C-alpha atoms as a PDB file:
ATOM      1  CA  MET A   1     204.815 -11.511  42.039  1.00  0.00           C
ATOM      2  CA  LYS A   2     201.750  -9.658  42.572  1.00  0.00           C
ATOM      3  CA  LEU A   3     202.088  -5.887  43.927  1.00  0.00           C
ATOM      4  CA  SER A   4     199.513  -5.425  46.886  1.00  0.00           C
ATOM      5  CA  MET A   5     198.188  -2.160  48.379  1.00  0.00           C
ATOM      6  CA  GLU A   6     197.079  -1.904  52.166  1.00  0.00           C
ATOM      7  CA  THR A   7     193.354   0.094  52.699  1.00  0.00           C
ATOM      8  CA  TYR A   8     193.377   1.743  55.802  1.00  0.00           C
ATOM      9  CA  ALA A   9     194.844   5.121  54.593  1.00  0.00           C
ATOM     10  CA  VAL A  10     192.793   5.292  51.350  1.00  0.00           C
ATOM     11  CA  ARG A  11     189.477   3.668  52.913  1.00  0.00           C
ATOM     12  CA  GLU A  12     189.895   6.632  55.225  1.00  0.00           C
ATOM     13  CA  LYS A  13     189.364   9.410  53.063  1.00  0.00           C
ATOM     14  CA  PHE A  14     187.056   7.940  50.218  1.00  0.00           C
ATOM     15  CA  GLY A  15     185.409   4.611  51.606  1.00  0.00           C
ATOM     16  CA  ASP A  16     185.872   1.149  51.118  1.00  0.00           C
ATOM     17  CA  ILE A  17     184.076   0.901  48.132  1.00  0.00           C
ATOM     18  CA  GLU A  18     185.907   3.953  46.643  1.00  0.00           C
ATOM     19  CA  ALA A  19     189.262   2.781  47.964  1.00  0.00           C
ATOM     20  CA  ILE A  20     188.715  -0.678  45.644  1.00  0.00           C
ATOM     21  CA  ARG A  21     188.170   1.131  42.810  1.00  0.00           C
ATOM     22  CA  LEU A  22     191.330   3.455  42.746  1.00  0.00           C
ATOM     23  CA  ILE A  23     193.681   1.057  43.949  1.00  0.00           C
ATOM     24  CA  LYS A  24     192.613  -1.118  40.855  1.00  0.00           C
ATOM     25  CA  GLU A  25     192.832   1.612  38.642  1.00  0.00           C
ATOM     26  CA  ALA A  26     196.066   2.550  39.857  1.00  0.00           C
ATOM     27  CA  GLY A  27     197.720  -0.550  38.650  1.00  0.00           C
ATOM     28  CA  PHE A  28     197.884  -2.792  42.010  1.00  0.00           C
ATOM     29  CA  ASP A  29     196.946  -6.885  41.362  1.00  0.00           C
ATOM     30  CA  ALA A  30     195.196  -7.120  45.127  1.00  0.00           C
ATOM     31  CA  ILE A  31     194.620  -5.407  48.453  1.00  0.00           C
ATOM     32  CA  ASP A  32     195.825  -6.037  52.140  1.00  0.00           C
ATOM     33  CA  PHE A  33     192.440  -5.416  53.882  1.00  0.00           C
ATOM     34  CA  SER A  34     192.941  -3.417  56.875  1.00  0.00           C
ATOM     35  CA  PHE A  35     190.394  -3.673  59.603  1.00  0.00           C
ATOM     36  CA  TYR A  36     192.565  -1.540  62.135  1.00  0.00           C
ATOM     37  CA  TRP A  37     189.530   0.905  61.965  1.00  0.00           C
ATOM     38  CA  ALA A  38     187.198  -1.121  63.680  1.00  0.00           C
ATOM     39  CA  ASN A  39     187.083   0.594  67.143  1.00  0.00           C
ATOM     40  CA  GLU A  40     186.098   3.486  64.906  1.00  0.00           C
ATOM     41  CA  ASP A  41     182.923   2.520  63.320  1.00  0.00           C
ATOM     42  CA  VAL A  42     183.058  -1.113  64.658  1.00  0.00           C
ATOM     43  CA  PRO A  43     180.875  -3.045  61.742  1.00  0.00           C
ATOM     44  CA  LEU A  44     182.583  -6.085  63.166  1.00  0.00           C
ATOM     45  CA  LEU A  45     180.437  -5.919  66.446  1.00  0.00           C
ATOM     46  CA  GLY A  46     177.555  -5.547  65.008  1.00  0.00           C
ATOM     47  CA  GLU A  47     175.388  -8.165  63.548  1.00  0.00           C
ATOM     48  CA  ASN A  48     175.246  -7.136  59.941  1.00  0.00           C
ATOM     49  CA  TYR A  49     179.239  -8.210  59.622  1.00  0.00           C
ATOM     50  CA  ARG A  50     179.372 -11.042  57.562  1.00  0.00           C
ATOM     51  CA  GLU A  51     177.115  -8.817  55.042  1.00  0.00           C
ATOM     52  CA  TYR A  52     179.180  -6.004  55.339  1.00  0.00           C
ATOM     53  CA  ALA A  53     182.565  -8.739  53.963  1.00  0.00           C
ATOM     54  CA  LYS A  54     180.360  -9.595  51.015  1.00  0.00           C
ATOM     55  CA  THR A  55     179.580  -6.047  50.393  1.00  0.00           C
ATOM     56  CA  ILE A  56     183.542  -5.458  50.331  1.00  0.00           C
ATOM     57  CA  ARG A  57     183.776  -9.165  48.102  1.00  0.00           C
ATOM     58  CA  TRP A  58     181.588  -7.724  45.616  1.00  0.00           C
ATOM     59  CA  ALA A  59     183.268  -4.807  45.129  1.00  0.00           C
ATOM     60  CA  LEU A  60     186.770  -6.731  44.771  1.00  0.00           C
ATOM     61  CA  ASP A  61     184.966  -9.157  42.233  1.00  0.00           C
ATOM     62  CA  LYS A  62     183.118  -6.092  40.386  1.00  0.00           C
ATOM     63  CA  ASN A  63     187.085  -4.335  40.370  1.00  0.00           C
ATOM     64  CA  GLY A  64     189.014  -7.656  39.217  1.00  0.00           C
ATOM     65  CA  LEU A  65     191.003  -7.105  42.895  1.00  0.00           C
ATOM     66  CA  ALA A  66     192.485 -10.091  44.892  1.00  0.00           C
ATOM     67  CA  CYS A  67     192.457  -9.469  48.554  1.00  0.00           C
ATOM     68  CA  ASN A  68     195.876 -11.514  49.352  1.00  0.00           C
ATOM     69  CA  GLN A  69     195.640 -10.644  53.307  1.00  0.00           C
ATOM     70  CA  ALA A  70     193.844  -8.611  55.780  1.00  0.00           C
ATOM     71  CA  HIS A  71     195.033  -7.137  59.504  1.00  0.00           C
ATOM     72  CA  ALA A  72     193.406  -7.487  62.595  1.00  0.00           C
ATOM     73  CA  PRO A  73     192.592  -5.029  64.791  1.00  0.00           C
ATOM     74  CA  PHE A  74     195.292  -4.440  66.988  1.00  0.00           C
ATOM     75  CA  GLU A  75     196.800  -3.916  69.851  1.00  0.00           C
ATOM     76  CA  PHE A  76     195.018  -4.807  73.268  1.00  0.00           C
ATOM     77  CA  GLN A  77     195.674  -6.543  76.360  1.00  0.00           C
ATOM     78  CA  TYR A  78     193.342  -9.015  78.244  1.00  0.00           C
ATOM     79  CA  GLY A  79     193.120  -9.865  81.473  1.00  0.00           C
ATOM     80  CA  GLU A  80     192.730 -13.725  82.147  1.00  0.00           C
ATOM     81  CA  LYS A  81     189.765 -14.692  80.009  1.00  0.00           C
ATOM     82  CA  MET A  82     189.748 -14.248  76.509  1.00  0.00           C
ATOM     83  CA  ASP A  83     186.467 -14.810  75.047  1.00  0.00           C
ATOM     84  CA  ALA A  84     183.432 -13.217  73.358  1.00  0.00           C
ATOM     85  CA  SER A  85     182.593 -11.397  76.462  1.00  0.00           C
ATOM     86  CA  GLU A  86     185.992  -9.123  75.391  1.00  0.00           C
ATOM     87  CA  SER A  87     184.516  -6.818  72.407  1.00  0.00           C
ATOM     88  CA  HIS A  88     188.109  -6.420  71.185  1.00  0.00           C
ATOM     89  CA  TYR A  89     188.508  -9.681  71.249  1.00  0.00           C
ATOM     90  CA  LEU A  90     185.528 -10.656  69.249  1.00  0.00           C
ATOM     91  CA  GLU A  91     186.162  -7.819  66.704  1.00  0.00           C
ATOM     92  CA  ILE A  92     189.359  -9.782  66.113  1.00  0.00           C
ATOM     93  CA  ARG A  93     187.605 -13.322  65.769  1.00  0.00           C
ATOM     94  CA  ARG A  94     185.124 -11.736  63.190  1.00  0.00           C
ATOM     95  CA  SER A  95     187.804  -9.937  61.296  1.00  0.00           C
ATOM     96  CA  VAL A  96     189.310 -13.979  60.335  1.00  0.00           C
ATOM     97  CA  GLU A  97     185.474 -14.390  59.237  1.00  0.00           C
ATOM     98  CA  ALA A  98     185.643 -11.488  57.395  1.00  0.00           C
ATOM     99  CA  ALA A  99     188.801 -11.879  55.495  1.00  0.00           C
ATOM    100  CA  SER A 100     187.962 -15.249  55.138  1.00  0.00           C
ATOM    101  CA  ILE A 101     184.639 -14.052  53.121  1.00  0.00           C
ATOM    102  CA  LEU A 102     186.722 -11.139  51.059  1.00  0.00           C
ATOM    103  CA  GLY A 103     189.231 -13.927  49.967  1.00  0.00           C
ATOM    104  CA  ALA A 104     192.454 -13.774  51.696  1.00  0.00           C
ATOM    105  CA  LYS A 105     194.868 -16.394  52.188  1.00  0.00           C
ATOM    106  CA  SER A 106     195.897 -14.686  55.626  1.00  0.00           C
ATOM    107  CA  ILE A 107     195.099 -12.301  58.440  1.00  0.00           C
ATOM    108  CA  VAL A 108     198.063 -10.558  60.143  1.00  0.00           C
ATOM    109  CA  ILE A 109     197.283 -10.262  64.040  1.00  0.00           C
ATOM    110  CA  HIS A 110     200.043  -8.394  66.451  1.00  0.00           C
ATOM    111  CA  SER A 111     200.709 -10.083  69.661  1.00  0.00           C
ATOM    112  CA  VAL A 112     199.716  -8.401  72.691  1.00  0.00           C
ATOM    113  CA  SER A 113     200.857  -6.971  75.943  1.00  0.00           C
ATOM    114  CA  VAL A 114     200.150  -9.044  78.499  1.00  0.00           C
ATOM    115  CA  PRO A 115     199.509  -8.410  82.366  1.00  0.00           C
ATOM    116  CA  ALA A 116     202.039  -8.099  84.512  1.00  0.00           C
ATOM    117  CA  ASN A 117     202.127 -11.315  86.331  1.00  0.00           C
ATOM    118  CA  ARG A 118     202.260 -13.377  82.812  1.00  0.00           C
ATOM    119  CA  ASP A 119     204.265 -14.214  80.658  1.00  0.00           C
ATOM    120  CA  PHE A 120     204.557 -12.718  77.087  1.00  0.00           C
ATOM    121  CA  GLU A 121     205.620 -16.137  75.408  1.00  0.00           C
ATOM    122  CA  GLU A 122     203.505 -18.349  77.299  1.00  0.00           C
ATOM    123  CA  TYR A 123     200.290 -15.938  77.192  1.00  0.00           C
ATOM    124  CA  ASN A 124     200.458 -15.119  73.265  1.00  0.00           C
ATOM    125  CA  LEU A 125     200.825 -18.437  72.317  1.00  0.00           C
ATOM    126  CA  CYS A 126     197.535 -19.383  74.432  1.00  0.00           C
ATOM    127  CA  TYR A 127     196.056 -16.258  72.866  1.00  0.00           C
ATOM    128  CA  TYR A 128     197.421 -17.174  68.799  1.00  0.00           C
ATOM    129  CA  LYS A 129     196.172 -20.804  69.378  1.00  0.00           C
ATOM    130  CA  SER A 130     192.551 -19.681  70.097  1.00  0.00           C
ATOM    131  CA  PHE A 131     191.995 -19.019  66.792  1.00  0.00           C
ATOM    132  CA  GLU A 132     193.371 -22.214  65.324  1.00  0.00           C
ATOM    133  CA  PRO A 133     189.686 -23.083  65.121  1.00  0.00           C
ATOM    134  CA  LEU A 134     188.489 -20.443  63.018  1.00  0.00           C
ATOM    135  CA  CYS A 135     191.318 -21.283  60.745  1.00  0.00           C
ATOM    136  CA  LYS A 136     190.695 -24.289  60.139  1.00  0.00           C
ATOM    137  CA  LYS A 137     186.482 -23.508  59.664  1.00  0.00           C
ATOM    138  CA  PHE A 138     187.102 -20.856  56.958  1.00  0.00           C
ATOM    139  CA  GLY A 139     190.553 -22.110  55.687  1.00  0.00           C
ATOM    140  CA  ILE A 140     193.119 -18.561  56.454  1.00  0.00           C
ATOM    141  CA  GLN A 141     195.907 -18.697  57.777  1.00  0.00           C
ATOM    142  CA  ILE A 142     197.235 -16.094  60.468  1.00  0.00           C
ATOM    143  CA  ALA A 143     200.325 -14.396  59.917  1.00  0.00           C
ATOM    144  CA  VAL A 144     202.297 -13.216  62.980  1.00  0.00           C
ATOM    145  CA  GLU A 145     204.451  -9.994  62.664  1.00  0.00           C
ATOM    146  CA  ASN A 146     207.624  -8.540  64.114  1.00  0.00           C
ATOM    147  CA  LEU A 147     206.892  -5.739  66.137  1.00  0.00           C
ATOM    148  CA  PHE A 148     208.528  -3.510  68.230  1.00  0.00           C
ATOM    149  CA  VAL A 149     207.997  -1.930  71.323  1.00  0.00           C
ATOM    150  CA  HIS A 150     208.746   2.191  71.766  1.00  0.00           C
ATOM    151  CA  ASP A 151     210.407   3.907  75.230  1.00  0.00           C
ATOM    152  CA  LYS A 152     209.696   7.378  74.838  1.00  0.00           C
ATOM    153  CA  LYS A 153     211.602   8.243  77.695  1.00  0.00           C
ATOM    154  CA  CYS A 154     214.681   7.322  75.670  1.00  0.00           C
ATOM    155  CA  ASN A 155     213.147   7.383  72.042  1.00  0.00           C
ATOM    156  CA  SER A 156     214.727   3.902  71.420  1.00  0.00           C
ATOM    157  CA  PHE A 157     212.784   1.178  69.889  1.00  0.00           C
ATOM    158  CA  PHE A 158     212.779  -2.766  71.192  1.00  0.00           C
ATOM    159  CA  GLY A 159     211.961  -5.445  69.371  1.00  0.00           C
ATOM    160  CA  ARG A 160     208.906  -8.216  70.155  1.00  0.00           C
ATOM    161  CA  LEU A 161     209.574 -11.210  68.161  1.00  0.00           C
ATOM    162  CA  GLY A 162     212.173  -8.848  66.438  1.00  0.00           C
ATOM    163  CA  THR A 163     214.677 -11.042  65.497  1.00  0.00           C
ATOM    164  CA  PRO A 164     214.276 -13.888  62.585  1.00  0.00           C
ATOM    165  CA  LYS A 165     215.019 -16.678  65.636  1.00  0.00           C
ATOM    166  CA  GLN A 166     212.630 -15.187  67.958  1.00  0.00           C
ATOM    167  CA  LEU A 167     209.814 -14.931  65.417  1.00  0.00           C
ATOM    168  CA  CYS A 168     210.395 -18.507  63.878  1.00  0.00           C
ATOM    169  CA  ASP A 169     210.887 -19.979  67.187  1.00  0.00           C
ATOM    170  CA  PHE A 170     207.812 -18.776  68.450  1.00  0.00           C
ATOM    171  CA  ILE A 171     205.790 -19.665  65.377  1.00  0.00           C
ATOM    172  CA  VAL A 172     207.353 -23.608  65.705  1.00  0.00           C
ATOM    173  CA  LYS A 173     205.797 -23.674  68.983  1.00  0.00           C
ATOM    174  CA  LEU A 174     202.636 -22.884  68.050  1.00  0.00           C
ATOM    175  CA  ASN A 175     203.095 -26.318  66.012  1.00  0.00           C
ATOM    176  CA  SER A 176     200.661 -25.669  63.435  1.00  0.00           C
ATOM    177  CA  PRO A 177     200.350 -25.239  59.652  1.00  0.00           C
ATOM    178  CA  TRP A 178     197.904 -22.521  60.297  1.00  0.00           C
ATOM    179  CA  PHE A 179     200.869 -20.037  61.228  1.00  0.00           C
ATOM    180  CA  VAL A 180     202.860 -18.099  59.418  1.00  0.00           C
ATOM    181  CA  ALA A 181     205.273 -15.177  59.256  1.00  0.00           C
ATOM    182  CA  CYS A 182     204.747 -11.327  58.223  1.00  0.00           C
ATOM    183  CA  LEU A 183     207.592  -9.669  58.098  1.00  0.00           C
ATOM    184  CA  ASP A 184     207.372  -5.962  58.707  1.00  0.00           C
ATOM    185  CA  ILE A 185     210.442  -4.579  56.867  1.00  0.00           C
ATOM    186  CA  GLY A 186     210.233  -0.604  58.803  1.00  0.00           C
ATOM    187  CA  HIS A 187     209.554  -2.541  61.953  1.00  0.00           C
ATOM    188  CA  ALA A 188     213.214  -4.914  61.273  1.00  0.00           C
ATOM    189  CA  ALA A 189     215.196  -1.782  60.755  1.00  0.00           C
ATOM    190  CA  ILE A 190     214.152   0.602  63.986  1.00  0.00           C
ATOM    191  CA  THR A 191     215.056  -2.058  66.146  1.00  0.00           C
ATOM    192  CA  GLY A 192     218.336  -2.436  65.064  1.00  0.00           C
ATOM    193  CA  MET A 193     218.205  -5.503  62.391  1.00  0.00           C
ATOM    194  CA  ALA A 194     219.289  -4.806  58.095  1.00  0.00           C
ATOM    195  CA  PRO A 195     215.904  -6.105  56.483  1.00  0.00           C
ATOM    196  CA  GLU A 196     217.636  -8.104  54.346  1.00  0.00           C
ATOM    197  CA  ASP A 197     219.697 -10.010  57.186  1.00  0.00           C
ATOM    198  CA  PHE A 198     215.827 -11.000  59.174  1.00  0.00           C
ATOM    199  CA  ILE A 199     214.922 -12.306  55.755  1.00  0.00           C
ATOM    200  CA  LEU A 200     218.194 -13.890  54.978  1.00  0.00           C
ATOM    201  CA  GLY A 201     217.347 -15.483  58.500  1.00  0.00           C
ATOM    202  CA  MET A 202     214.064 -17.025  57.506  1.00  0.00           C
ATOM    203  CA  LYS A 203     215.251 -19.514  54.753  1.00  0.00           C
ATOM    204  CA  ASN A 204     212.493 -21.992  56.718  1.00  0.00           C
ATOM    205  CA  GLY A 205     209.522 -21.389  54.240  1.00  0.00           C
ATOM    206  CA  LEU A 206     207.600 -19.427  57.028  1.00  0.00           C
ATOM    207  CA  LEU A 207     208.050 -16.115  55.441  1.00  0.00           C
ATOM    208  CA  LYS A 208     204.702 -15.752  53.726  1.00  0.00           C
ATOM    209  CA  SER A 209     203.675 -11.620  53.900  1.00  0.00           C
ATOM    210  CA  LEU A 210     205.062  -8.811  53.501  1.00  0.00           C
ATOM    211  CA  HIS A 211     204.794  -5.034  55.137  1.00  0.00           C
ATOM    212  CA  ILE A 212     206.408  -3.286  52.835  1.00  0.00           C
ATOM    213  CA  GLN A 213     207.578   0.259  54.069  1.00  0.00           C
ATOM    214  CA  ASP A 214     210.583   2.730  54.288  1.00  0.00           C
ATOM    215  CA  THR A 215     212.150   4.749  57.369  1.00  0.00           C
ATOM    216  CA  ASP A 216     215.232   6.321  58.141  1.00  0.00           C
ATOM    217  CA  TYR A 217     215.618   4.982  61.607  1.00  0.00           C
ATOM    218  CA  LEU A 218     214.236   7.411  63.454  1.00  0.00           C
ATOM    219  CA  ALA A 219     210.754   5.917  63.994  1.00  0.00           C
ATOM    220  CA  ASP A 220     208.101   3.683  62.000  1.00  0.00           C
ATOM    221  CA  ARG A 221     207.253   6.023  59.018  1.00  0.00           C
ATOM    222  CA  HIS A 222     205.335   3.585  56.497  1.00  0.00           C
ATOM    223  CA  VAL A 223     206.495   5.883  53.237  1.00  0.00           C
ATOM    224  CA  LEU A 224     207.468   4.303  49.822  1.00  0.00           C
ATOM    225  CA  PRO A 225     210.418   3.194  49.303  1.00  0.00           C
ATOM    226  CA  PHE A 226     213.106   5.351  48.256  1.00  0.00           C
ATOM    227  CA  MET A 227     211.252   7.707  50.398  1.00  0.00           C
ATOM    228  CA  GLY A 228     213.749   6.679  53.336  1.00  0.00           C
ATOM    229  CA  LYS A 229     217.241   5.052  53.514  1.00  0.00           C
ATOM    230  CA  LEU A 230     216.866   1.267  53.385  1.00  0.00           C
ATOM    231  CA  ASP A 231     218.846  -0.284  51.024  1.00  0.00           C
ATOM    232  CA  TRP A 232     216.063  -2.094  48.338  1.00  0.00           C
ATOM    233  CA  ASP A 233     218.928  -3.900  46.370  1.00  0.00           C
ATOM    234  CA  ALA A 234     219.527  -5.798  49.191  1.00  0.00           C
ATOM    235  CA  ILE A 235     216.254  -6.505  50.644  1.00  0.00           C
ATOM    236  CA  ILE A 236     215.038  -7.366  47.067  1.00  0.00           C
ATOM    237  CA  SER A 237     218.014  -9.850  46.440  1.00  0.00           C
ATOM    238  CA  ALA A 238     217.929 -11.176  49.886  1.00  0.00           C
ATOM    239  CA  LEU A 239     213.836 -12.138  49.174  1.00  0.00           C
ATOM    240  CA  LYS A 240     215.110 -14.136  46.193  1.00  0.00           C
ATOM    241  CA  GLU A 241     217.799 -16.033  47.927  1.00  0.00           C
ATOM    242  CA  VAL A 242     215.127 -17.216  50.448  1.00  0.00           C
ATOM    243  CA  GLU A 243     212.744 -17.884  47.879  1.00  0.00           C
ATOM    244  CA  TYR A 244     210.049 -16.049  48.744  1.00  0.00           C
ATOM    245  CA  ASP A 245     207.077 -16.433  46.979  1.00  0.00           C
ATOM    246  CA  GLY A 246     204.483 -13.984  48.345  1.00  0.00           C
ATOM    247  CA  GLU A 247     202.997 -10.397  47.534  1.00  0.00           C
ATOM    248  CA  LEU A 248     204.818  -7.499  47.723  1.00  0.00           C
ATOM    249  CA  THR A 249     203.031  -5.821  49.975  1.00  0.00           C
ATOM    250  CA  PHE A 250     202.667  -2.260  50.530  1.00  0.00           C
ATOM    251  CA  GLU A 251     201.736  -0.281  54.014  1.00  0.00           C
ATOM    252  CA  VAL A 252     202.688   2.998  53.390  1.00  0.00           C
ATOM    253  CA  PHE A 253     199.493   4.723  55.276  1.00  0.00           C
ATOM    254  CA  TRP A 254     201.448   7.579  56.608  1.00  0.00           C
ATOM    255  CA  PHE A 255     202.566   8.248  52.182  1.00  0.00           C
ATOM    256  CA  ILE A 256     199.079   8.167  51.687  1.00  0.00           C
ATOM    257  CA  LYS A 257     197.488  10.016  54.944  1.00  0.00           C
ATOM    258  CA  LYS A 258     199.306  13.311  54.822  1.00  0.00           C
ATOM    259  CA  LEU A 259     197.953  14.013  51.257  1.00  0.00           C
ATOM    260  CA  PRO A 260     195.059  16.344  49.956  1.00  0.00           C
ATOM    261  CA  LYS A 261     192.227  14.057  49.133  1.00  0.00           C
ATOM    262  CA  LYS A 262     192.997  15.281  45.234  1.00  0.00           C
ATOM    263  CA  LEU A 263     196.319  13.878  45.027  1.00  0.00           C
ATOM    264  CA  VAL A 264     195.919  10.629  46.520  1.00  0.00           C
ATOM    265  CA  PRO A 265     195.075   8.935  42.880  1.00  0.00           C
ATOM    266  CA  ASP A 266     198.287  10.397  41.298  1.00  0.00           C
ATOM    267  CA  SER A 267     199.661   9.192  44.412  1.00  0.00           C
ATOM    268  CA  LEU A 268     198.661   5.574  44.131  1.00  0.00           C
ATOM    269  CA  THR A 269     199.843   5.554  40.505  1.00  0.00           C
ATOM    270  CA  TYR A 270     203.265   6.552  41.431  1.00  0.00           C
ATOM    271  CA  ALA A 271     203.406   3.874  44.118  1.00  0.00           C
ATOM    272  CA  ALA A 272     202.290   1.407  41.949  1.00  0.00           C
ATOM    273  CA  SER A 273     204.786   2.200  39.382  1.00  0.00           C
ATOM    274  CA  VAL A 274     207.373   2.275  42.371  1.00  0.00           C
ATOM    275  CA  GLY A 275     206.157  -1.505  43.296  1.00  0.00           C
ATOM    276  CA  ARG A 276     206.335  -2.651  39.508  1.00  0.00           C
ATOM    277  CA  PHE A 277     209.873  -1.416  39.517  1.00  0.00           C
ATOM    278  CA  LEU A 278     210.801  -3.792  42.725  1.00  0.00           C
ATOM    279  CA  ILE A 279     209.181  -6.441  41.314  1.00  0.00           C
ATOM    280  CA  SER A 280     211.233  -6.070  38.490  1.00  0.00           C
ATOM    281  CA  ARG A 281     214.224  -6.226  40.200  1.00  0.00           C
ATOM    282  CA  PHE A 282     212.851  -9.818  41.935  1.00  0.00           C
ATOM    283  CA  GLU A 283     212.214 -11.393  38.643  1.00  0.00           C
ATOM    284  CA  ASN A 284     214.643 -10.086  36.032  1.00  0.00           C
ATOM    285  CA  GLY A 285     217.598  -9.126  38.330  1.00  0.00           C
END
């Protein structure tokens, strides 16, 4: 099993090229390249977005680091039209192409909020299907993630595609090999389902991507395993039982974002050691 780290928080402090070097130096095998920040400096809307992606690919190759997956910008609500006239939609389309240039096998694209007069499932099935021609053209799958809605009035979290059945049924309805599942471990936990039970509910081969994070069940924490309250022995055991064959991908940006810049390199090394420990449990019991 390969170990991967998302780039968002590291690139925010160091820039993309140095982030890649630091992640490799810390002991990771791959990255989950984050396009979250597209709204901040929008290279995906510029004419040179392909050249930008090629520069990132050059840095990956130079450092001997793979890109196993990427994450598209999120979350938006569209009107009745989903086309290039909507800048956010254009960013997501371009992120699919850019991720393919990086060599990613898949890119996570979130489901979207829908207009008041539209059905969530119907609208999002159309939304995801609109990307299928890009998947075929660039040879990259789209990973559909389990998400949540936060009701701030009662401080409660409700799942969106938040059970194994809901997530798998949705992907099955897409009826295409270009769509797979991404399980965010913390999202499962805060919406009331033990991550290990979510994993065991996906014995159908659709689970191809992970967002590994820990939480205290009170919020979406995105911190390292063993910094929260999740049962990592049970999670690893469940991954073995369903014969998960993808990467162990850390999405722990709040662990990194709160650190002084000087502490980030050593903290990445520690994060990699946590990942290697989990992988050893997966591979050796």
